[in-house]
């Protein structure tokens, strides 16, 4: 499979993860008893996490990047977004902080994906 194929699925994973986490965060505030909404959001976010991981490692293999700092940071961001995913139900009072965290982390991951390869300090 081509590098562009993996890039598409990596971006699709980021979109699905953001959509799923947004749905879970909204549900935690607006409809905490709605189990089907929680399940749907968790499924979408879970598929996003899987797409990000598999396609990201596919891109790494096709691009021959090795393990530069920017790629290690993206793996840490993936783990932190997974932590947000599991924290939403346990700590609904952290909702605003989690919203901001998702926005900042996904933005940082996107920045690293585009500019990390070009920044000498992140090599």
PDB file of N, CA and C in Angstrom:
ATOM      1  N   UNK A   1       0.838  -1.176   0.000  1.00  0.00           N
ATOM      2  CA  UNK A   1       0.000   0.000   0.000  1.00  0.00           C
ATOM      3  C   UNK A   1       0.885   1.241   0.000  1.00  0.00           C
ATOM      4  N   UNK A   2       0.384   2.280  -0.577  1.00  0.00           N
ATOM      5  CA  UNK A   2       1.192   3.481  -0.764  1.00  0.00           C
ATOM      6  C   UNK A   2       1.190   4.373   0.485  1.00  0.00           C
ATOM      7  N   UNK A   3       2.152   5.285   0.502  1.00  0.00           N
ATOM      8  CA  UNK A   3       2.254   6.258   1.583  1.00  0.00           C
ATOM      9  C   UNK A   3       0.982   7.107   1.646  1.00  0.00           C
ATOM     10  N   UNK A   4       0.445   7.482   0.482  1.00  0.00           N
ATOM     11  CA  UNK A   4      -0.779   8.297   0.442  1.00  0.00           C
ATOM     12  C   UNK A   4      -1.977   7.539   1.017  1.00  0.00           C
ATOM     13  N   UNK A   5      -2.042   6.240   0.801  1.00  0.00           N
ATOM     14  CA  UNK A   5      -3.107   5.416   1.377  1.00  0.00           C
ATOM     15  C   UNK A   5      -3.060   5.512   2.901  1.00  0.00           C
ATOM     16  N   UNK A   6      -1.868   5.340   3.461  1.00  0.00           N
ATOM     17  CA  UNK A   6      -1.720   5.421   4.915  1.00  0.00           C
ATOM     18  C   UNK A   6      -2.011   6.833   5.429  1.00  0.00           C
ATOM     19  N   UNK A   7      -1.607   7.842   4.670  1.00  0.00           N
ATOM     20  CA  UNK A   7      -1.874   9.224   5.062  1.00  0.00           C
ATOM     21  C   UNK A   7      -3.374   9.475   5.148  1.00  0.00           C
ATOM     22  N   UNK A   8      -4.121   9.010   4.150  1.00  0.00           N
ATOM     23  CA  UNK A   8      -5.575   9.181   4.155  1.00  0.00           C
ATOM     24  C   UNK A   8      -6.184   8.540   5.401  1.00  0.00           C
ATOM     25  N   UNK A   9      -5.806   7.299   5.689  1.00  0.00           N
ATOM     26  CA  UNK A   9      -6.404   6.620   6.832  1.00  0.00           C
ATOM     27  C   UNK A   9      -5.925   7.208   8.161  1.00  0.00           C
ATOM     28  N   UNK A  10      -4.735   7.773   8.179  1.00  0.00           N
ATOM     29  CA  UNK A  10      -4.262   8.447   9.385  1.00  0.00           C
ATOM     30  C   UNK A  10      -5.111   9.691   9.658  1.00  0.00           C
ATOM     31  N   UNK A  11      -5.370  10.473   8.630  1.00  0.00           N
ATOM     32  CA  UNK A  11      -6.220  11.659   8.785  1.00  0.00           C
ATOM     33  C   UNK A  11      -7.658  11.270   9.116  1.00  0.00           C
ATOM     34  N   UNK A  12      -8.160  10.216   8.487  1.00  0.00           N
ATOM     35  CA  UNK A  12      -9.498   9.723   8.813  1.00  0.00           C
ATOM     36  C   UNK A  12      -9.568   9.300  10.280  1.00  0.00           C
ATOM     37  N   UNK A  13      -8.516   8.672  10.769  1.00  0.00           N
ATOM     38  CA  UNK A  13      -8.461   8.289  12.186  1.00  0.00           C
ATOM     39  C   UNK A  13      -8.507   9.491  13.103  1.00  0.00           C
ATOM     40  N   UNK A  14      -7.802  10.554  12.735  1.00  0.00           N
ATOM     41  CA  UNK A  14      -7.825  11.777  13.549  1.00  0.00           C
ATOM     42  C   UNK A  14      -9.224  12.387  13.570  1.00  0.00           C
ATOM     43  N   UNK A  15      -9.886  12.381  12.426  1.00  0.00           N
ATOM     44  CA  UNK A  15     -11.255  12.908  12.353  1.00  0.00           C
ATOM     45  C   UNK A  15     -12.204  12.053  13.196  1.00  0.00           C
ATOM     46  N   UNK A  16     -12.107  10.742  13.054  1.00  0.00           N
ATOM     47  CA  UNK A  16     -12.990   9.856  13.825  1.00  0.00           C
ATOM     48  C   UNK A  16     -12.738   9.981  15.326  1.00  0.00           C
ATOM     49  N   UNK A  17     -11.479  10.042  15.712  1.00  0.00           N
ATOM     50  CA  UNK A  17     -11.167  10.182  17.136  1.00  0.00           C
ATOM     51  C   UNK A  17     -11.722  11.485  17.685  1.00  0.00           C
ATOM     52  N   UNK A  18     -11.516  12.571  16.969  1.00  0.00           N
ATOM     53  CA  UNK A  18     -12.032  13.869  17.425  1.00  0.00           C
ATOM     54  C   UNK A  18     -13.555  13.856  17.504  1.00  0.00           C
ATOM     55  N   UNK A  19     -14.191  13.283  16.508  1.00  0.00           N
ATOM     56  CA  UNK A  19     -15.650  13.197  16.502  1.00  0.00           C
ATOM     57  C   UNK A  19     -16.161  12.349  17.662  1.00  0.00           C
ATOM     58  N   UNK A  20     -15.539  11.200  17.875  1.00  0.00           N
ATOM     59  CA  UNK A  20     -15.962  10.316  18.956  1.00  0.00           C
ATOM     60  C   UNK A  20     -15.747  10.922  20.330  1.00  0.00           C
ATOM     61  N   UNK A  21     -14.580  11.550  20.542  1.00  0.00           N
ATOM     62  CA  UNK A  21     -14.325  12.183  21.830  1.00  0.00           C
ATOM     63  C   UNK A  21     -15.265  13.361  22.055  1.00  0.00           C
ATOM     64  N   UNK A  22     -15.548  14.121  20.996  1.00  0.00           N
ATOM     65  CA  UNK A  22     -16.497  15.229  21.112  1.00  0.00           C
ATOM     66  C   UNK A  22     -17.875  14.739  21.504  1.00  0.00           C
ATOM     67  N   UNK A  23     -18.299  13.631  20.891  1.00  0.00           N
ATOM     68  CA  UNK A  23     -19.605  13.062  21.229  1.00  0.00           C
ATOM     69  C   UNK A  23     -19.636  12.593  22.677  1.00  0.00           C
ATOM     70  N   UNK A  24     -18.564  11.949  23.119  1.00  0.00           N
ATOM     71  CA  UNK A  24     -18.518  11.475  24.507  1.00  0.00           C
ATOM     72  C   UNK A  24     -18.493  12.630  25.497  1.00  0.00           C
ATOM     73  N   UNK A  25     -17.755  13.687  25.167  1.00  0.00           N
ATOM     74  CA  UNK A  25     -17.711  14.850  26.057  1.00  0.00           C
ATOM     75  C   UNK A  25     -19.061  15.557  26.108  1.00  0.00           C
ATOM     76  N   UNK A  26     -19.727  15.684  24.976  1.00  0.00           N
ATOM     77  CA  UNK A  26     -21.052  16.313  24.955  1.00  0.00           C
ATOM     78  C   UNK A  26     -22.059  15.459  25.727  1.00  0.00           C
ATOM     79  N   UNK A  27     -21.988  14.160  25.553  1.00  0.00           N
ATOM     80  CA  UNK A  27     -22.899  13.259  26.245  1.00  0.00           C
ATOM     81  C   UNK A  27     -22.707  13.330  27.755  1.00  0.00           C
ATOM     82  N   UNK A  28     -21.460  13.466  28.209  1.00  0.00           N
ATOM     83  CA  UNK A  28     -21.182  13.516  29.643  1.00  0.00           C
ATOM     84  C   UNK A  28     -21.882  14.698  30.301  1.00  0.00           C
ATOM     85  N   UNK A  29     -22.105  15.770  29.553  1.00  0.00           N
ATOM     86  CA  UNK A  29     -22.745  16.964  30.102  1.00  0.00           C
ATOM     87  C   UNK A  29     -24.248  16.961  29.828  1.00  0.00           C
ATOM     88  N   UNK A  30     -24.633  16.625  28.606  1.00  0.00           N
ATOM     89  CA  UNK A  30     -26.020  16.801  28.189  1.00  0.00           C
ATOM     90  C   UNK A  30     -26.924  15.599  28.470  1.00  0.00           C
ATOM     91  N   UNK A  31     -26.395  14.395  28.332  1.00  0.00           N
ATOM     92  CA  UNK A  31     -27.237  13.212  28.487  1.00  0.00           C
ATOM     93  C   UNK A  31     -26.451  12.060  29.109  1.00  0.00           C
ATOM     94  N   UNK A  32     -26.047  12.184  30.367  1.00  0.00           N
ATOM     95  CA  UNK A  32     -25.203  11.148  30.963  1.00  0.00           C
ATOM     96  C   UNK A  32     -25.863   9.773  31.055  1.00  0.00           C
ATOM     97  N   UNK A  33     -27.191   9.725  30.991  1.00  0.00           N
ATOM     98  CA  UNK A  33     -27.877   8.436  31.087  1.00  0.00           C
ATOM     99  C   UNK A  33     -28.032   7.750  29.737  1.00  0.00           C
ATOM    100  N   UNK A  34     -27.715   8.424  28.645  1.00  0.00           N
ATOM    101  CA  UNK A  34     -27.922   7.886  27.303  1.00  0.00           C
ATOM    102  C   UNK A  34     -26.800   6.901  26.961  1.00  0.00           C
ATOM    103  N   UNK A  35     -27.079   5.609  27.195  1.00  0.00           N
ATOM    104  CA  UNK A  35     -26.070   4.578  26.997  1.00  0.00           C
ATOM    105  C   UNK A  35     -25.747   4.351  25.524  1.00  0.00           C
ATOM    106  N   UNK A  36     -26.746   4.421  24.649  1.00  0.00           N
ATOM    107  CA  UNK A  36     -26.488   4.172  23.228  1.00  0.00           C
ATOM    108  C   UNK A  36     -25.586   5.250  22.624  1.00  0.00           C
ATOM    109  N   UNK A  37     -25.741   6.487  23.078  1.00  0.00           N
ATOM    110  CA  UNK A  37     -24.887   7.575  22.605  1.00  0.00           C
ATOM    111  C   UNK A  37     -23.450   7.352  23.069  1.00  0.00           C
ATOM    112  N   UNK A  38     -23.289   6.873  24.300  1.00  0.00           N
ATOM    113  CA  UNK A  38     -21.955   6.579  24.828  1.00  0.00           C
ATOM    114  C   UNK A  38     -21.293   5.459  24.035  1.00  0.00           C
ATOM    115  N   UNK A  39     -22.059   4.415  23.739  1.00  0.00           N
ATOM    116  CA  UNK A  39     -21.516   3.297  22.987  1.00  0.00           C
ATOM    117  C   UNK A  39     -21.117   3.729  21.576  1.00  0.00           C
ATOM    118  N   UNK A  40     -21.966   4.516  20.929  1.00  0.00           N
ATOM    119  CA  UNK A  40     -21.656   5.006  19.587  1.00  0.00           C
ATOM    120  C   UNK A  40     -20.408   5.872  19.567  1.00  0.00           C
ATOM    121  N   UNK A  41     -20.300   6.785  20.522  1.00  0.00           N
ATOM    122  CA  UNK A  41     -19.115   7.639  20.610  1.00  0.00           C
ATOM    123  C   UNK A  41     -17.861   6.830  20.886  1.00  0.00           C
ATOM    124  N   UNK A  42     -17.975   5.826  21.744  1.00  0.00           N
ATOM    125  CA  UNK A  42     -16.819   4.993  22.065  1.00  0.00           C
ATOM    126  C   UNK A  42     -16.376   4.171  20.856  1.00  0.00           C
ATOM    127  N   UNK A  43     -17.330   3.674  20.086  1.00  0.00           N
ATOM    128  CA  UNK A  43     -16.986   2.900  18.890  1.00  0.00           C
ATOM    129  C   UNK A  43     -16.271   3.779  17.872  1.00  0.00           C
ATOM    130  N   UNK A  44     -16.811   4.965  17.623  1.00  0.00           N
ATOM    131  CA  UNK A  44     -16.190   5.876  16.652  1.00  0.00           C
ATOM    132  C   UNK A  44     -14.790   6.279  17.119  1.00  0.00           C
ATOM    133  N   UNK A  45     -14.646   6.639  18.386  1.00  0.00           N
ATOM    134  CA  UNK A  45     -13.330   7.020  18.913  1.00  0.00           C
ATOM    135  C   UNK A  45     -12.367   5.835  18.891  1.00  0.00           C
ATOM    136  N   UNK A  46     -12.855   4.657  19.192  1.00  0.00           N
ATOM    137  CA  UNK A  46     -12.006   3.456  19.164  1.00  0.00           C
ATOM    138  C   UNK A  46     -11.488   3.157  17.771  1.00  0.00           C
ATOM    139  N   UNK A  47     -12.369   3.248  16.763  1.00  0.00           N
ATOM    140  CA  UNK A  47     -11.911   3.055  15.390  1.00  0.00           C
ATOM    141  C   UNK A  47     -10.902   4.131  15.006  1.00  0.00           C
ATOM    142  N   UNK A  48     -11.122   5.357  15.462  1.00  0.00           N
ATOM    143  CA  UNK A  48     -10.169   6.428  15.195  1.00  0.00           C
ATOM    144  C   UNK A  48      -8.803   6.123  15.781  1.00  0.00           C
ATOM    145  N   UNK A  49      -8.781   5.627  17.017  1.00  0.00           N
ATOM    146  CA  UNK A  49      -7.512   5.272  17.653  1.00  0.00           C
ATOM    147  C   UNK A  49      -6.791   4.168  16.873  1.00  0.00           C
ATOM    148  N   UNK A  50      -7.544   3.168  16.442  1.00  0.00           N
ATOM    149  CA  UNK A  50      -6.938   2.067  15.685  1.00  0.00           C
ATOM    150  C   UNK A  50      -6.409   2.559  14.342  1.00  0.00           C
ATOM    151  N   UNK A  51      -7.208   3.353  13.622  1.00  0.00           N
ATOM    152  CA  UNK A  51      -6.761   3.893  12.326  1.00  0.00           C
ATOM    153  C   UNK A  51      -5.496   4.724  12.500  1.00  0.00           C
ATOM    154  N   UNK A  52      -5.470   5.569  13.540  1.00  0.00           N
ATOM    155  CA  UNK A  52      -4.290   6.396  13.783  1.00  0.00           C
ATOM    156  C   UNK A  52      -3.046   5.541  14.015  1.00  0.00           C
ATOM    157  N   UNK A  53      -3.184   4.531  14.829  1.00  0.00           N
ATOM    158  CA  UNK A  53      -2.041   3.696  15.166  1.00  0.00           C
ATOM    159  C   UNK A  53      -1.543   2.907  13.956  1.00  0.00           C
ATOM    160  N   UNK A  54      -2.432   2.188  13.302  1.00  0.00           N
ATOM    161  CA  UNK A  54      -2.026   1.330  12.184  1.00  0.00           C
ATOM    162  C   UNK A  54      -1.508   2.160  11.017  1.00  0.00           C
ATOM    163  N   UNK A  55      -2.256   3.190  10.636  1.00  0.00           N
ATOM    164  CA  UNK A  55      -1.828   4.016   9.510  1.00  0.00           C
ATOM    165  C   UNK A  55      -0.566   4.803   9.848  1.00  0.00           C
ATOM    166  N   UNK A  56      -0.425   5.240  11.087  1.00  0.00           N
ATOM    167  CA  UNK A  56       0.783   5.956  11.487  1.00  0.00           C
ATOM    168  C   UNK A  56       2.022   5.089  11.365  1.00  0.00           C
ATOM    169  N   UNK A  57       1.932   3.847  11.813  1.00  0.00           N
ATOM    170  CA  UNK A  57       3.079   2.959  11.666  1.00  0.00           C
ATOM    171  C   UNK A  57       3.293   2.555  10.210  1.00  0.00           C
ATOM    172  N   UNK A  58       2.219   2.487   9.419  1.00  0.00           N
ATOM    173  CA  UNK A  58       2.374   2.257   7.982  1.00  0.00           C
ATOM    174  C   UNK A  58       3.123   3.406   7.324  1.00  0.00           C
ATOM    175  N   UNK A  59       2.783   4.638   7.714  1.00  0.00           N
ATOM    176  CA  UNK A  59       3.478   5.803   7.179  1.00  0.00           C
ATOM    177  C   UNK A  59       4.944   5.795   7.609  1.00  0.00           C
ATOM    178  N   UNK A  60       5.196   5.395   8.844  1.00  0.00           N
ATOM    179  CA  UNK A  60       6.574   5.348   9.321  1.00  0.00           C
ATOM    180  C   UNK A  60       7.382   4.337   8.509  1.00  0.00           C
ATOM    181  N   UNK A  61       6.806   3.173   8.244  1.00  0.00           N
ATOM    182  CA  UNK A  61       7.513   2.147   7.482  1.00  0.00           C
ATOM    183  C   UNK A  61       7.749   2.590   6.033  1.00  0.00           C
ATOM    184  N   UNK A  62       6.716   3.139   5.401  1.00  0.00           N
ATOM    185  CA  UNK A  62       6.850   3.580   4.006  1.00  0.00           C
ATOM    186  C   UNK A  62       7.774   4.781   3.870  1.00  0.00           C
ATOM    187  N   UNK A  63       7.756   5.678   4.854  1.00  0.00           N
ATOM    188  CA  UNK A  63       8.577   6.878   4.784  1.00  0.00           C
ATOM    189  C   UNK A  63      10.007   6.655   5.241  1.00  0.00           C
ATOM    190  N   UNK A  64      10.279   5.526   5.909  1.00  0.00           N
ATOM    191  CA  UNK A  64      11.623   5.234   6.398  1.00  0.00           C
ATOM    192  C   UNK A  64      12.119   6.251   7.411  1.00  0.00           C
ATOM    193  N   UNK A  65      11.246   6.682   8.315  1.00  0.00           N
ATOM    194  CA  UNK A  65      11.597   7.749   9.251  1.00  0.00           C
ATOM    195  C   UNK A  65      12.459   7.292  10.417  1.00  0.00           C
ATOM    196  N   UNK A  66      12.384   6.049  10.801  1.00  0.00           N
ATOM    197  CA  UNK A  66      13.045   5.636  12.037  1.00  0.00           C
ATOM    198  C   UNK A  66      12.228   6.147  13.217  1.00  0.00           C
ATOM    199  N   UNK A  67      12.927   6.615  14.268  1.00  0.00           N
ATOM    200  CA  UNK A  67      12.242   7.117  15.457  1.00  0.00           C
ATOM    201  C   UNK A  67      12.740   8.514  15.846  1.00  0.00           C
ATOM    202  N   UNK A  68      12.481   9.519  15.010  1.00  0.00           N
ATOM    203  CA  UNK A  68      12.873  10.881  15.391  1.00  0.00           C
ATOM    204  C   UNK A  68      12.001  11.393  16.541  1.00  0.00           C
ATOM    205  N   UNK A  69      12.424  12.496  17.132  1.00  0.00           N
ATOM    206  CA  UNK A  69      11.715  13.061  18.279  1.00  0.00           C
ATOM    207  C   UNK A  69      10.260  13.383  17.947  1.00  0.00           C
ATOM    208  N   UNK A  70       9.987  13.950  16.775  1.00  0.00           N
ATOM    209  CA  UNK A  70       8.613  14.325  16.441  1.00  0.00           C
ATOM    210  C   UNK A  70       7.703  13.105  16.400  1.00  0.00           C
ATOM    211  N   UNK A  71       8.222  11.956  15.976  1.00  0.00           N
ATOM    212  CA  UNK A  71       7.412  10.742  15.928  1.00  0.00           C
ATOM    213  C   UNK A  71       7.172  10.193  17.333  1.00  0.00           C
ATOM    214  N   UNK A  72       8.175  10.258  18.168  1.00  0.00           N
ATOM    215  CA  UNK A  72       7.995   9.846  19.568  1.00  0.00           C
ATOM    216  C   UNK A  72       6.956  10.722  20.263  1.00  0.00           C
ATOM    217  N   UNK A  73       6.990  12.021  19.972  1.00  0.00           N
ATOM    218  CA  UNK A  73       5.994  12.927  20.561  1.00  0.00           C
ATOM    219  C   UNK A  73       4.585  12.578  20.083  1.00  0.00           C
ATOM    220  N   UNK A  74       4.456  12.179  18.823  1.00  0.00           N
ATOM    221  CA  UNK A  74       3.129  11.791  18.325  1.00  0.00           C
ATOM    222  C   UNK A  74       2.619  10.524  19.014  1.00  0.00           C
ATOM    223  N   UNK A  75       3.500   9.604  19.324  1.00  0.00           N
ATOM    224  CA  UNK A  75       3.093   8.395  20.063  1.00  0.00           C
ATOM    225  C   UNK A  75       2.629   8.776  21.475  1.00  0.00           C
ATOM    226  N   UNK A  76       3.338   9.694  22.116  1.00  0.00           N
ATOM    227  CA  UNK A  76       2.931  10.162  23.447  1.00  0.00           C
ATOM    228  C   UNK A  76       1.567  10.847  23.367  1.00  0.00           C
ATOM    229  N   UNK A  77       1.340  11.648  22.336  1.00  0.00           N
ATOM    230  CA  UNK A  77       0.034  12.306  22.153  1.00  0.00           C
ATOM    231  C   UNK A  77      -1.050  11.261  21.966  1.00  0.00           C
ATOM    232  N   UNK A  78      -0.775  10.199  21.204  1.00  0.00           N
ATOM    233  CA  UNK A  78      -1.750   9.126  21.001  1.00  0.00           C
ATOM    234  C   UNK A  78      -2.111   8.498  22.346  1.00  0.00           C
ATOM    235  N   UNK A  79      -1.111   8.273  23.193  1.00  0.00           N
ATOM    236  CA  UNK A  79      -1.374   7.713  24.529  1.00  0.00           C
ATOM    237  C   UNK A  79      -2.188   8.676  25.385  1.00  0.00           C
ATOM    238  N   UNK A  80      -1.887   9.969  25.314  1.00  0.00           N
ATOM    239  CA  UNK A  80      -2.637  10.962  26.093  1.00  0.00           C
ATOM    240  C   UNK A  80      -4.088  11.052  25.622  1.00  0.00           C
ATOM    241  N   UNK A  81      -4.310  10.970  24.308  1.00  0.00           N
ATOM    242  CA  UNK A  81      -5.690  10.981  23.804  1.00  0.00           C
ATOM    243  C   UNK A  81      -6.432   9.720  24.247  1.00  0.00           C
ATOM    244  N   UNK A  82      -5.725   8.618  24.345  1.00  0.00           N
ATOM    245  CA  UNK A  82      -6.327   7.406  24.896  1.00  0.00           C
ATOM    246  C   UNK A  82      -6.690   7.587  26.358  1.00  0.00           C
ATOM    247  N   UNK A  83      -5.865   8.314  27.088  1.00  0.00           N
ATOM    248  CA  UNK A  83      -6.173   8.598  28.496  1.00  0.00           C
ATOM    249  C   UNK A  83      -7.398   9.493  28.605  1.00  0.00           C
ATOM    250  N   UNK A  84      -7.538  10.462  27.703  1.00  0.00           N
ATOM    251  CA  UNK A  84      -8.740  11.307  27.687  1.00  0.00           C
ATOM    252  C   UNK A  84      -9.965  10.435  27.441  1.00  0.00           C
ATOM    253  N   UNK A  85      -9.827   9.516  26.503  1.00  0.00           N
ATOM    254  CA  UNK A  85     -10.912   8.596  26.147  1.00  0.00           C
ATOM    255  C   UNK A  85     -11.418   7.832  27.375  1.00  0.00           C
ATOM    256  N   UNK A  86     -10.506   7.398  28.229  1.00  0.00           N
ATOM    257  CA  UNK A  86     -10.918   6.632  29.405  1.00  0.00           C
ATOM    258  C   UNK A  86     -11.313   7.513  30.587  1.00  0.00           C
ATOM    259  N   UNK A  87     -10.916   8.780  30.577  1.00  0.00           N
ATOM    260  CA  UNK A  87     -11.199   9.682  31.698  1.00  0.00           C
ATOM    261  C   UNK A  87     -12.579  10.328  31.605  1.00  0.00           C
ATOM    262  N   UNK A  88     -13.137  10.422  30.424  1.00  0.00           N
ATOM    263  CA  UNK A  88     -14.390  11.162  30.218  1.00  0.00           C
ATOM    264  C   UNK A  88     -15.501  10.667  31.145  1.00  0.00           C
ATOM    265  N   UNK A  89     -15.696   9.364  31.220  1.00  0.00           N
ATOM    266  CA  UNK A  89     -16.787   8.836  32.047  1.00  0.00           C
ATOM    267  C   UNK A  89     -16.454   8.913  33.537  1.00  0.00           C
ATOM    268  N   UNK A  90     -15.197   8.729  33.876  1.00  0.00           N
ATOM    269  CA  UNK A  90     -14.808   8.683  35.283  1.00  0.00           C
ATOM    270  C   UNK A  90     -14.790  10.056  35.947  1.00  0.00           C
ATOM    271  N   UNK A  91     -14.463  11.078  35.190  1.00  0.00           N
ATOM    272  CA  UNK A  91     -14.338  12.423  35.744  1.00  0.00           C
ATOM    273  C   UNK A  91     -15.110  13.437  34.906  1.00  0.00           C
ATOM    274  N   UNK A  92     -16.436  13.388  34.909  1.00  0.00           N
ATOM    275  CA  UNK A  92     -17.194  14.342  34.087  1.00  0.00           C
ATOM    276  C   UNK A  92     -16.997  15.797  34.515  1.00  0.00           C
ATOM    277  N   UNK A  93     -16.554  16.024  35.752  1.00  0.00           N
ATOM    278  CA  UNK A  93     -16.322  17.388  36.205  1.00  0.00           C
ATOM    279  C   UNK A  93     -15.088  18.017  35.532  1.00  0.00           C
ATOM    280  N   UNK A  94     -14.273  17.215  34.879  1.00  0.00           N
ATOM    281  CA  UNK A  94     -13.109  17.715  34.147  1.00  0.00           C
ATOM    282  C   UNK A  94     -13.429  18.025  32.687  1.00  0.00           C
ATOM    283  N   UNK A  95     -14.701  18.073  32.357  1.00  0.00           N
ATOM    284  CA  UNK A  95     -15.133  18.169  30.965  1.00  0.00           C
ATOM    285  C   UNK A  95     -14.477  19.314  30.201  1.00  0.00           C
ATOM    286  N   UNK A  96     -14.461  20.502  30.760  1.00  0.00           N
ATOM    287  CA  UNK A  96     -13.892  21.656  30.049  1.00  0.00           C
ATOM    288  C   UNK A  96     -12.402  21.443  29.806  1.00  0.00           C
ATOM    289  N   UNK A  97     -11.690  20.961  30.821  1.00  0.00           N
ATOM    290  CA  UNK A  97     -10.264  20.703  30.654  1.00  0.00           C
ATOM    291  C   UNK A  97     -10.016  19.630  29.591  1.00  0.00           C
ATOM    292  N   UNK A  98     -10.889  18.625  29.550  1.00  0.00           N
ATOM    293  CA  UNK A  98     -10.736  17.568  28.551  1.00  0.00           C
ATOM    294  C   UNK A  98     -11.019  18.076  27.144  1.00  0.00           C
ATOM    295  N   UNK A  99     -12.029  18.959  26.995  1.00  0.00           N
ATOM    296  CA  UNK A  99     -12.293  19.578  25.681  1.00  0.00           C
ATOM    297  C   UNK A  99     -11.046  20.300  25.187  1.00  0.00           C
ATOM    298  N   UNK A 100     -10.485  21.120  26.046  1.00  0.00           N
ATOM    299  CA  UNK A 100      -9.290  21.892  25.674  1.00  0.00           C
ATOM    300  C   UNK A 100      -8.132  20.945  25.371  1.00  0.00           C
ATOM    301  N   UNK A 101      -7.986  19.896  26.159  1.00  0.00           N
ATOM    302  CA  UNK A 101      -6.914  18.929  25.932  1.00  0.00           C
ATOM    303  C   UNK A 101      -7.020  18.271  24.569  1.00  0.00           C
ATOM    304  N   UNK A 102      -8.219  17.875  24.189  1.00  0.00           N
ATOM    305  CA  UNK A 102      -8.414  17.245  22.880  1.00  0.00           C
ATOM    306  C   UNK A 102      -8.042  18.216  21.761  1.00  0.00           C
ATOM    307  N   UNK A 103      -8.471  19.453  21.872  1.00  0.00           N
ATOM    308  CA  UNK A 103      -8.167  20.447  20.839  1.00  0.00           C
ATOM    309  C   UNK A 103      -6.660  20.687  20.752  1.00  0.00           C
ATOM    310  N   UNK A 104      -6.019  20.876  21.894  1.00  0.00           N
ATOM    311  CA  UNK A 104      -4.579  21.155  21.907  1.00  0.00           C
ATOM    312  C   UNK A 104      -3.783  19.948  21.415  1.00  0.00           C
ATOM    313  N   UNK A 105      -4.123  18.764  21.903  1.00  0.00           N
ATOM    314  CA  UNK A 105      -3.368  17.571  21.516  1.00  0.00           C
ATOM    315  C   UNK A 105      -3.529  17.231  20.040  1.00  0.00           C
ATOM    316  N   UNK A 106      -4.749  17.321  19.518  1.00  0.00           N
ATOM    317  CA  UNK A 106      -4.928  17.020  18.090  1.00  0.00           C
ATOM    318  C   UNK A 106      -4.262  18.088  17.226  1.00  0.00           C
ATOM    319  N   UNK A 107      -4.317  19.333  17.663  1.00  0.00           N
ATOM    320  CA  UNK A 107      -3.626  20.392  16.924  1.00  0.00           C
ATOM    321  C   UNK A 107      -2.121  20.190  16.929  1.00  0.00           C
ATOM    322  N   UNK A 108      -1.573  19.828  18.071  1.00  0.00           N
ATOM    323  CA  UNK A 108      -0.138  19.579  18.175  1.00  0.00           C
ATOM    324  C   UNK A 108       0.269  18.373  17.331  1.00  0.00           C
ATOM    325  N   UNK A 109      -0.554  17.326  17.357  1.00  0.00           N
ATOM    326  CA  UNK A 109      -0.254  16.149  16.541  1.00  0.00           C
ATOM    327  C   UNK A 109      -0.265  16.498  15.055  1.00  0.00           C
ATOM    328  N   UNK A 110      -1.236  17.298  14.635  1.00  0.00           N
ATOM    329  CA  UNK A 110      -1.286  17.714  13.234  1.00  0.00           C
ATOM    330  C   UNK A 110      -0.066  18.562  12.880  1.00  0.00           C
ATOM    331  N   UNK A 111       0.321  19.480  13.767  1.00  0.00           N
ATOM    332  CA  UNK A 111       1.491  20.324  13.516  1.00  0.00           C
ATOM    333  C   UNK A 111       2.753  19.466  13.389  1.00  0.00           C
ATOM    334  N   UNK A 112       2.909  18.507  14.298  1.00  0.00           N
ATOM    335  CA  UNK A 112       4.078  17.632  14.241  1.00  0.00           C
ATOM    336  C   UNK A 112       4.091  16.804  12.964  1.00  0.00           C
ATOM    337  N   UNK A 113       2.932  16.355  12.520  1.00  0.00           N
ATOM    338  CA  UNK A 113       2.861  15.569  11.297  1.00  0.00           C
ATOM    339  C   UNK A 113       3.243  16.362  10.066  1.00  0.00           C
ATOM    340  N   UNK A 114       2.888  17.635  10.043  1.00  0.00           N
ATOM    341  CA  UNK A 114       3.184  18.470   8.879  1.00  0.00           C
ATOM    342  C   UNK A 114       4.580  19.070   8.972  1.00  0.00           C
ATOM    343  N   UNK A 115       4.914  19.643  10.125  1.00  0.00           N
ATOM    344  CA  UNK A 115       6.155  20.406  10.253  1.00  0.00           C
ATOM    345  C   UNK A 115       7.260  19.681  11.024  1.00  0.00           C
ATOM    346  N   UNK A 116       6.940  18.592  11.704  1.00  0.00           N
ATOM    347  CA  UNK A 116       7.951  17.887  12.481  1.00  0.00           C
ATOM    348  C   UNK A 116       9.106  17.379  11.647  1.00  0.00           C
ATOM    349  N   UNK A 117       8.787  16.906  10.444  1.00  0.00           N
ATOM    350  CA  UNK A 117       9.818  16.392   9.542  1.00  0.00           C
ATOM    351  C   UNK A 117      10.740  17.513   9.056  1.00  0.00           C
ATOM    352  N   UNK A 118      10.243  18.736   9.070  1.00  0.00           N
ATOM    353  CA  UNK A 118      10.985  19.879   8.521  1.00  0.00           C
ATOM    354  C   UNK A 118      11.756  20.658   9.584  1.00  0.00           C
ATOM    355  N   UNK A 119      11.502  20.363  10.852  1.00  0.00           N
ATOM    356  CA  UNK A 119      12.119  21.107  11.949  1.00  0.00           C
ATOM    357  C   UNK A 119      13.360  20.362  12.439  1.00  0.00           C
ATOM    358  N   UNK A 120      14.543  20.944  12.240  1.00  0.00           N
ATOM    359  CA  UNK A 120      15.773  20.235  12.637  1.00  0.00           C
ATOM    360  C   UNK A 120      15.818  19.859  14.113  1.00  0.00           C
ATOM    361  N   UNK A 121      15.255  20.669  14.982  1.00  0.00           N
ATOM    362  CA  UNK A 121      15.298  20.366  16.415  1.00  0.00           C
ATOM    363  C   UNK A 121      14.491  19.129  16.776  1.00  0.00           C
ATOM    364  N   UNK A 122      13.585  18.697  15.914  1.00  0.00           N
ATOM    365  CA  UNK A 122      12.726  17.543  16.212  1.00  0.00           C
ATOM    366  C   UNK A 122      13.196  16.261  15.510  1.00  0.00           C
ATOM    367  N   UNK A 123      14.371  16.297  14.951  1.00  0.00           N
ATOM    368  CA  UNK A 123      14.875  15.116  14.230  1.00  0.00           C
ATOM    369  C   UNK A 123      15.505  14.116  15.148  1.00  0.00           C
TER     370      UNK A 123
END
